[in-house]
Amino acid sequence: MLGDLLSKSFVSANDVAQHAGVSRSAVSRTFTPGASVSEETRKRVMNSAQALGYHVNQLARGLMRSESGIVCLIVSEMDTPYRARLVRALTHELQKAGKVSMLINTDRSDGGVDSALRQTLSYRADASILLSGLPDKAITKLCLDSGQRIVLINRDDDISGPFHINLEDHQAAKIAVSAFLRAGCRSLAFVNSEVGTPSLMAREKGFHAAAAGLGLSVVTARHGNTVYESGRRAAHDLLTGLNRPDAVFCVNDLMALGFMDSARQDFGIRIPEDLCVIGFDDIEQAGWSSYALTTFAQPIDQIVQASLFWLGDVKDNQNVKSMTFNAPLVWRKTIRGNHQPIS
């Protein structure tokens, strides 16, 4: 009998029950967390399952409960350090919660994104998490129409139903202006990409507004995607000529690192003696000794825990529509002067 079972391409719970000499329901209870089953029965079932190579078909079990346990992560710019950290943290916590992560890369501009998303819908995913403001808003509507629960991170989709997680981008921009003024800076600049996501634009608008409130103007340079090379190009825009800024707020750390390298290597500018720089994200490279970049830290742990909270027990979170978190300023060595907390 054992040889016949091992030769099967699929081992069922009935096979395990027969091998262990127990009922089919005993097998089910053994693999159901919190279910009542004697220790002796549990041991017999687990030994038989191991001998036969049996694994619970969680997808089939979930579909019987109208739940698949699948959560789609809809992501763009996955190769950037911040996005990679967020994906790693989310997948880790989803696994701990017994969920299955399905990743969709939305960087492509052809029909591949729509095709990939529709494929995941055929697997009856329970929820989707949109990790950036770049994917088209039509994706959000498609997920909602399929009955999914939606978590939107740093987006401004004007659609009822999803759970919104955002940062205090305007407050961070205000703090950046205050930090520059404390360092004696008066000629301010802002470096952004051309991506134009809600969070990036909120930082830019907040910086301009805070500076204007103090009677200061801001010069803005925008280039390409939010990557290192775009920061270098922005440096050439802003640092060529006589009217150079003495403080630059970069919309993310990658652009700040590119800006700093160009300022030092191409223009011989000293940081922070001649130029103060602030970034955003607090990626690992920002803390490297060659950069020691002062930057705002993305609260990744809080973002992940908020996502898992809302995807959990509906009774506990049905009235929660959004959460907004602060991004604390991490002081390093790219701003001169007194490094005291600024509120």
Protein backbone atom coordinates (compact mmCIF):
# COMPACT_ATOMS: atom_id res chain seq x y z
CA MET A 1 0.00 0.00 0.00
CA LEU A 2 2.76 2.46 0.89
CA GLY A 3 4.52 1.83 -2.43
CA ASP A 4 1.34 2.53 -4.32
CA LEU A 5 0.81 5.78 -2.45
CA LEU A 6 4.36 6.98 -3.01
CA SER A 7 4.00 6.39 -6.74
CA LYS A 8 1.08 8.80 -6.95
CA SER A 9 1.73 12.25 -8.37
CA PHE A 10 -0.61 13.75 -5.77
CA VAL A 11 -1.04 12.67 -2.17
CA SER A 12 -4.43 13.50 -0.65
CA ALA A 13 -5.62 13.90 2.90
CA ASN A 14 -7.53 10.62 2.45
CA ASP A 15 -4.22 8.90 1.68
CA VAL A 16 -2.73 10.28 4.89
CA ALA A 17 -5.79 9.21 6.90
CA GLN A 18 -5.59 5.68 5.51
CA HIS A 19 -1.84 5.44 6.19
CA ALA A 20 -2.20 6.79 9.73
CA GLY A 21 -5.29 4.74 10.53
CA VAL A 22 -7.38 7.79 11.43
CA SER A 23 -10.38 9.56 9.98
CA ARG A 24 -10.23 12.17 7.23
CA SER A 25 -11.52 14.78 9.66
CA ALA A 26 -8.66 14.00 12.06
CA VAL A 27 -6.20 14.89 9.30
CA SER A 28 -8.04 18.13 8.64
CA ARG A 29 -8.04 19.06 12.34
CA THR A 30 -4.33 18.30 12.61
CA PHE A 31 -3.53 20.88 9.95
CA THR A 32 -6.02 23.47 11.20
CA PRO A 33 -4.49 25.91 13.72
CA GLY A 34 -6.36 25.81 17.03
CA ALA A 35 -8.44 22.74 16.17
CA SER A 36 -8.92 20.02 18.81
CA VAL A 37 -6.92 16.85 18.22
CA SER A 38 -5.14 14.49 20.61
CA GLU A 39 -1.37 14.50 20.77
CA GLU A 40 -1.23 10.83 19.77
CA THR A 41 -3.41 11.41 16.71
CA ARG A 42 -1.44 14.51 15.76
CA LYS A 43 1.82 12.57 15.93
CA ARG A 44 0.47 9.71 13.79
CA VAL A 45 -0.88 12.13 11.17
CA MET A 46 2.32 14.18 11.01
CA ASN A 47 4.48 11.05 10.70
CA SER A 48 2.31 9.74 7.86
CA ALA A 49 2.27 13.12 6.12
CA GLN A 50 6.06 13.25 6.24
CA ALA A 51 6.38 9.67 4.98
CA LEU A 52 4.02 10.29 2.06
CA GLY A 53 5.23 13.78 1.22
CA TYR A 54 1.83 15.30 1.89
CA HIS A 55 1.32 19.08 1.95
CA VAL A 56 -1.91 20.91 2.65
CA ASN A 57 -3.44 22.44 -0.47
CA GLN A 58 -3.86 25.89 1.03
CA LEU A 59 -5.22 27.34 -2.21
CA ALA A 60 -8.04 24.79 -2.38
CA ARG A 61 -8.73 25.18 1.34
CA GLY A 62 -8.81 28.96 0.99
CA LEU A 63 -11.17 28.88 -1.98
CA MET A 64 -13.59 26.78 0.06
CA ARG A 65 -13.63 29.71 2.52
CA SER A 66 -13.74 32.26 -0.35
CA GLU A 67 -10.19 33.27 0.57
CA SER A 68 -7.02 32.43 -1.34
CA GLY A 69 -4.51 34.00 1.06
CA ILE A 70 -2.83 35.69 -1.91
CA VAL A 71 -1.77 39.34 -1.66
CA CYS A 72 -0.51 41.08 -4.82
CA LEU A 73 2.32 43.59 -4.47
CA ILE A 74 2.07 46.03 -7.37
CA VAL A 75 5.46 47.69 -7.64
CA SER A 76 7.46 50.05 -9.81
CA GLU A 77 11.19 50.88 -9.64
CA MET A 78 11.94 47.65 -7.78
CA ASP A 79 15.68 48.11 -8.27
CA THR A 80 15.80 51.24 -6.10
CA PRO A 81 17.06 50.65 -2.54
CA TYR A 82 13.99 52.07 -0.79
CA ARG A 83 11.53 50.03 -2.85
CA ALA A 84 13.62 46.88 -2.39
CA ARG A 85 13.59 47.36 1.40
CA LEU A 86 9.84 47.88 1.44
CA VAL A 87 9.17 44.80 -0.71
CA ARG A 88 11.48 42.71 1.49
CA ALA A 89 9.76 43.87 4.69
CA LEU A 90 6.25 43.36 3.31
CA THR A 91 6.90 39.88 1.95
CA HIS A 92 8.53 38.84 5.23
CA GLU A 93 5.58 39.96 7.34
CA LEU A 94 3.01 38.55 4.90
CA GLN A 95 4.73 35.17 5.08
CA LYS A 96 4.65 35.32 8.89
CA ALA A 97 0.92 36.02 8.66
CA GLY A 98 0.40 32.95 6.48
CA LYS A 99 -0.15 34.93 3.28
CA VAL A 100 1.27 34.32 -0.19
CA SER A 101 2.88 37.30 -1.94
CA MET A 102 2.46 37.71 -5.69
CA LEU A 103 4.68 40.38 -7.24
CA ILE A 104 3.70 42.47 -10.27
CA ASN A 105 6.29 44.73 -11.89
CA THR A 106 4.57 47.81 -13.35
CA ASP A 107 7.64 49.41 -14.95
CA ARG A 108 6.63 48.17 -18.41
CA SER A 109 4.59 50.51 -20.58
CA ASP A 110 3.09 47.86 -22.88
CA GLY A 111 0.14 45.55 -22.23
CA GLY A 112 2.22 43.24 -20.05
CA VAL A 113 1.16 44.94 -16.82
CA ASP A 114 -2.55 44.59 -17.52
CA SER A 115 -2.04 40.99 -18.61
CA ALA A 116 -0.06 40.13 -15.48
CA LEU A 117 -2.62 41.76 -13.22
CA ARG A 118 -5.51 39.94 -14.85
CA GLN A 119 -3.61 36.69 -14.41
CA THR A 120 -3.38 37.30 -10.67
CA LEU A 121 -7.09 38.06 -10.56
CA SER A 122 -7.72 34.61 -12.02
CA TYR A 123 -6.02 33.22 -8.90
CA ARG A 124 -8.60 35.12 -6.79
CA ALA A 125 -6.15 37.22 -4.82
CA ASP A 126 -7.69 38.57 -1.62
CA ALA A 127 -5.91 41.92 -1.69
CA SER A 128 -3.43 44.13 -3.49
CA ILE A 129 -0.89 46.61 -2.14
CA LEU A 130 0.22 49.39 -4.49
CA LEU A 131 3.70 50.40 -3.35
CA SER A 132 4.15 53.65 -5.24
CA GLY A 133 2.32 56.46 -6.97
CA LEU A 134 3.50 55.46 -10.44
CA PRO A 135 1.08 52.65 -11.50
CA ASP A 136 -1.99 53.94 -13.30
CA LYS A 137 -5.11 54.61 -11.24
CA ALA A 138 -7.02 52.21 -13.50
CA ILE A 139 -5.16 49.39 -11.72
CA THR A 140 -6.76 50.40 -8.42
CA LYS A 141 -10.24 50.33 -9.94
CA LEU A 142 -9.62 46.97 -11.58
CA CYS A 143 -8.58 45.47 -8.24
CA LEU A 144 -11.61 46.93 -6.47
CA ASP A 145 -13.98 45.70 -9.18
CA SER A 146 -12.59 42.19 -8.68
CA GLY A 147 -13.55 42.30 -5.00
CA GLN A 148 -10.06 42.79 -3.62
CA ARG A 149 -9.12 44.82 -0.57
CA ILE A 150 -6.64 47.54 -1.52
CA VAL A 151 -3.80 49.25 0.34
CA LEU A 152 -2.41 52.37 -1.35
CA ILE A 153 1.03 53.60 -0.24
CA ASN A 154 1.94 57.21 -1.07
CA ARG A 155 -0.87 57.64 -3.60
CA ASP A 156 -3.75 60.10 -4.01
CA ASP A 157 -6.34 57.97 -5.83
CA ASP A 158 -9.70 59.66 -5.25
CA ILE A 159 -11.57 56.36 -4.93
CA SER A 160 -13.59 55.15 -1.96
CA GLY A 161 -12.75 51.75 -0.54
CA PRO A 162 -8.93 51.48 -0.38
CA PHE A 163 -6.85 52.04 2.74
CA HIS A 164 -4.44 54.96 2.30
CA ILE A 165 -0.97 55.14 3.86
CA ASN A 166 0.85 58.43 3.37
CA LEU A 167 3.70 60.47 4.79
CA GLU A 168 3.79 64.01 6.15
CA ASP A 169 5.70 65.19 3.07
CA HIS A 170 4.76 68.84 3.55
CA GLN A 171 5.97 68.73 7.15
CA ALA A 172 9.28 67.17 6.08
CA ALA A 173 9.75 69.93 3.52
CA LYS A 174 9.12 72.56 6.19
CA ILE A 175 11.71 70.94 8.46
CA ALA A 176 14.22 70.91 5.59
CA VAL A 177 13.83 74.66 5.11
CA SER A 178 14.29 75.26 8.85
CA ALA A 179 17.44 73.11 8.89
CA PHE A 180 18.94 75.06 6.00
CA LEU A 181 18.15 78.41 7.60
CA ARG A 182 19.74 77.30 10.86
CA ALA A 183 22.89 76.45 8.87
CA GLY A 184 22.96 79.99 7.47
CA CYS A 185 21.74 79.05 3.97
CA ARG A 186 19.64 81.51 2.00
CA SER A 187 19.91 80.41 -1.64
CA LEU A 188 17.70 77.31 -1.83
CA ALA A 189 17.20 74.72 -4.56
CA PHE A 190 15.02 71.64 -4.98
CA VAL A 191 15.96 68.59 -7.06
CA ASN A 192 13.16 66.39 -8.38
CA SER A 193 12.57 63.83 -11.10
CA GLU A 194 10.01 64.09 -13.89
CA VAL A 195 8.00 61.15 -12.56
CA GLY A 196 5.52 63.44 -10.81
CA THR A 197 4.07 61.01 -8.25
CA PRO A 198 1.94 62.55 -5.46
CA SER A 199 4.55 62.10 -2.74
CA LEU A 200 7.38 63.58 -4.81
CA MET A 201 5.30 66.57 -5.81
CA ALA A 202 4.11 67.08 -2.22
CA ARG A 203 7.74 67.43 -1.10
CA GLU A 204 8.44 69.94 -3.85
CA LYS A 205 5.32 72.01 -3.23
CA GLY A 206 5.86 71.91 0.54
CA PHE A 207 9.45 73.10 0.18
CA HIS A 208 8.44 75.99 -2.07
CA ALA A 209 5.60 76.98 0.27
CA ALA A 210 7.77 76.89 3.40
CA ALA A 211 10.47 78.97 1.73
CA ALA A 212 7.96 81.47 0.34
CA GLY A 213 6.51 81.90 3.82
CA LEU A 214 9.92 83.18 4.90
CA GLY A 215 10.40 85.42 1.89
CA LEU A 216 12.77 83.04 0.10
CA SER A 217 12.60 81.74 -3.45
CA VAL A 218 13.54 78.25 -4.63
CA VAL A 219 15.16 77.17 -7.89
CA THR A 220 13.98 73.74 -9.07
CA ALA A 221 15.73 71.25 -11.36
CA ARG A 222 13.90 68.18 -12.71
CA HIS A 223 15.37 65.28 -14.67
CA GLY A 224 14.27 61.80 -15.70
CA ASN A 225 13.54 59.14 -13.10
CA THR A 226 14.39 59.31 -9.39
CA VAL A 227 17.82 57.76 -9.89
CA TYR A 228 21.49 58.59 -9.28
CA GLU A 229 22.23 59.88 -12.78
CA SER A 230 19.31 62.32 -12.65
CA GLY A 231 20.91 63.84 -9.56
CA ARG A 232 24.18 64.34 -11.41
CA ARG A 233 22.37 66.05 -14.28
CA ALA A 234 20.52 68.32 -11.84
CA ALA A 235 23.85 69.32 -10.31
CA HIS A 236 25.10 70.49 -13.70
CA ASP A 237 21.94 72.56 -14.11
CA LEU A 238 22.20 74.25 -10.73
CA LEU A 239 25.94 74.55 -10.18
CA THR A 240 27.02 75.89 -13.56
CA GLY A 241 27.44 79.65 -13.40
CA LEU A 242 27.84 82.18 -10.61
CA ASN A 243 24.44 82.00 -8.89
CA ARG A 244 24.92 78.69 -7.19
CA PRO A 245 22.58 77.59 -4.39
CA ASP A 246 24.04 77.02 -0.95
CA ALA A 247 21.39 74.46 0.04
CA VAL A 248 19.69 71.67 -1.94
CA PHE A 249 16.79 69.44 -0.90
CA CYS A 250 16.72 66.33 -3.11
CA VAL A 251 13.46 64.44 -3.47
CA ASN A 252 15.15 61.12 -2.69
CA ASP A 253 18.53 59.82 -1.58
CA LEU A 254 19.61 58.37 -4.93
CA MET A 255 19.33 61.77 -6.58
CA ALA A 256 21.08 63.36 -3.58
CA LEU A 257 24.03 60.98 -3.89
CA GLY A 258 24.37 61.74 -7.60
CA PHE A 259 24.14 65.46 -6.88
CA MET A 260 26.82 65.27 -4.18
CA ASP A 261 29.23 63.29 -6.35
CA SER A 262 28.89 65.75 -9.22
CA ALA A 263 29.23 68.76 -6.90
CA ARG A 264 32.46 67.44 -5.43
CA GLN A 265 34.04 65.84 -8.48
CA ASP A 266 32.91 68.13 -11.31
CA PHE A 267 32.78 71.49 -9.50
CA GLY A 268 35.15 71.10 -6.56
CA ILE A 269 32.41 72.10 -4.09
CA ARG A 270 32.83 71.17 -0.42
CA ILE A 271 29.91 69.63 1.44
CA PRO A 272 28.72 70.99 3.85
CA GLU A 273 31.16 73.93 3.95
CA ASP A 274 30.04 75.37 0.60
CA LEU A 275 26.80 73.49 0.06
CA CYS A 276 24.29 71.80 2.40
CA VAL A 277 22.28 68.81 1.14
CA ILE A 278 19.26 66.89 2.45
CA GLY A 279 17.82 63.72 0.92
CA PHE A 280 14.77 61.54 1.53
CA ASP A 281 14.36 57.77 2.23
CA ASP A 282 17.41 57.01 4.42
CA ILE A 283 18.65 54.19 2.19
CA GLU A 284 21.69 52.22 3.31
CA GLN A 285 24.05 54.13 1.03
CA ALA A 286 23.08 57.43 2.69
CA GLY A 287 24.88 56.28 5.81
CA TRP A 288 28.10 55.34 4.03
CA SER A 289 31.03 57.41 5.26
CA SER A 290 31.68 58.84 1.80
CA TYR A 291 28.21 60.43 1.84
CA ALA A 292 27.01 60.69 5.48
CA LEU A 293 23.85 62.24 4.06
CA THR A 294 21.36 64.02 6.28
CA THR A 295 18.00 62.65 5.19
CA PHE A 296 14.42 61.86 6.12
CA ALA A 297 13.85 58.21 7.04
CA GLN A 298 10.97 56.32 5.49
CA PRO A 299 9.05 54.65 8.38
CA ILE A 300 9.05 51.25 6.70
CA ASP A 301 8.16 49.25 9.82
CA GLN A 302 5.13 51.45 10.46
CA ILE A 303 4.02 51.23 6.83
CA VAL A 304 4.26 47.44 6.86
CA GLN A 305 2.47 47.03 10.18
CA ALA A 306 -0.32 49.37 9.07
CA SER A 307 -0.76 47.34 5.88
CA LEU A 308 -0.95 44.05 7.78
CA PHE A 309 -3.32 45.57 10.34
CA TRP A 310 -5.79 46.65 7.70
CA LEU A 311 -5.59 43.34 5.85
CA GLY A 312 -6.34 41.53 9.10
CA ASP A 313 -9.56 41.30 11.09
CA VAL A 314 -12.16 43.46 9.37
CA LYS A 315 -13.99 44.01 12.67
CA ASP A 316 -10.98 45.86 14.04
CA ASN A 317 -10.27 48.09 11.09
CA GLN A 318 -13.42 48.65 9.06
CA ASN A 319 -13.68 52.26 10.23
CA VAL A 320 -10.03 53.10 9.55
CA LYS A 321 -9.67 54.77 6.15
CA SER A 322 -6.10 56.06 6.26
CA MET A 323 -2.93 56.49 8.29
CA THR A 324 -0.29 59.20 7.95
CA PHE A 325 3.23 58.88 9.34
CA ASN A 326 6.08 61.27 9.97
CA ALA A 327 9.45 60.78 8.31
CA PRO A 328 12.03 61.72 10.97
CA LEU A 329 15.12 63.68 9.98
CA VAL A 330 18.32 61.66 10.40
CA TRP A 331 21.20 64.05 11.07
CA ARG A 332 24.56 63.21 9.54
CA LYS A 333 27.23 65.44 8.01
CA THR A 334 25.79 67.24 4.98
CA ILE A 335 24.44 70.20 6.97
CA ARG A 336 26.79 72.44 8.86
CA GLY A 337 26.10 73.82 12.33
CA ASN A 338 24.05 72.67 15.30
CA HIS A 339 22.35 69.31 14.78
CA GLN A 340 19.47 69.62 17.22
CA PRO A 341 15.97 68.26 16.61
CA ILE A 342 13.70 70.51 14.56
CA SER A 343 9.95 70.25 14.90
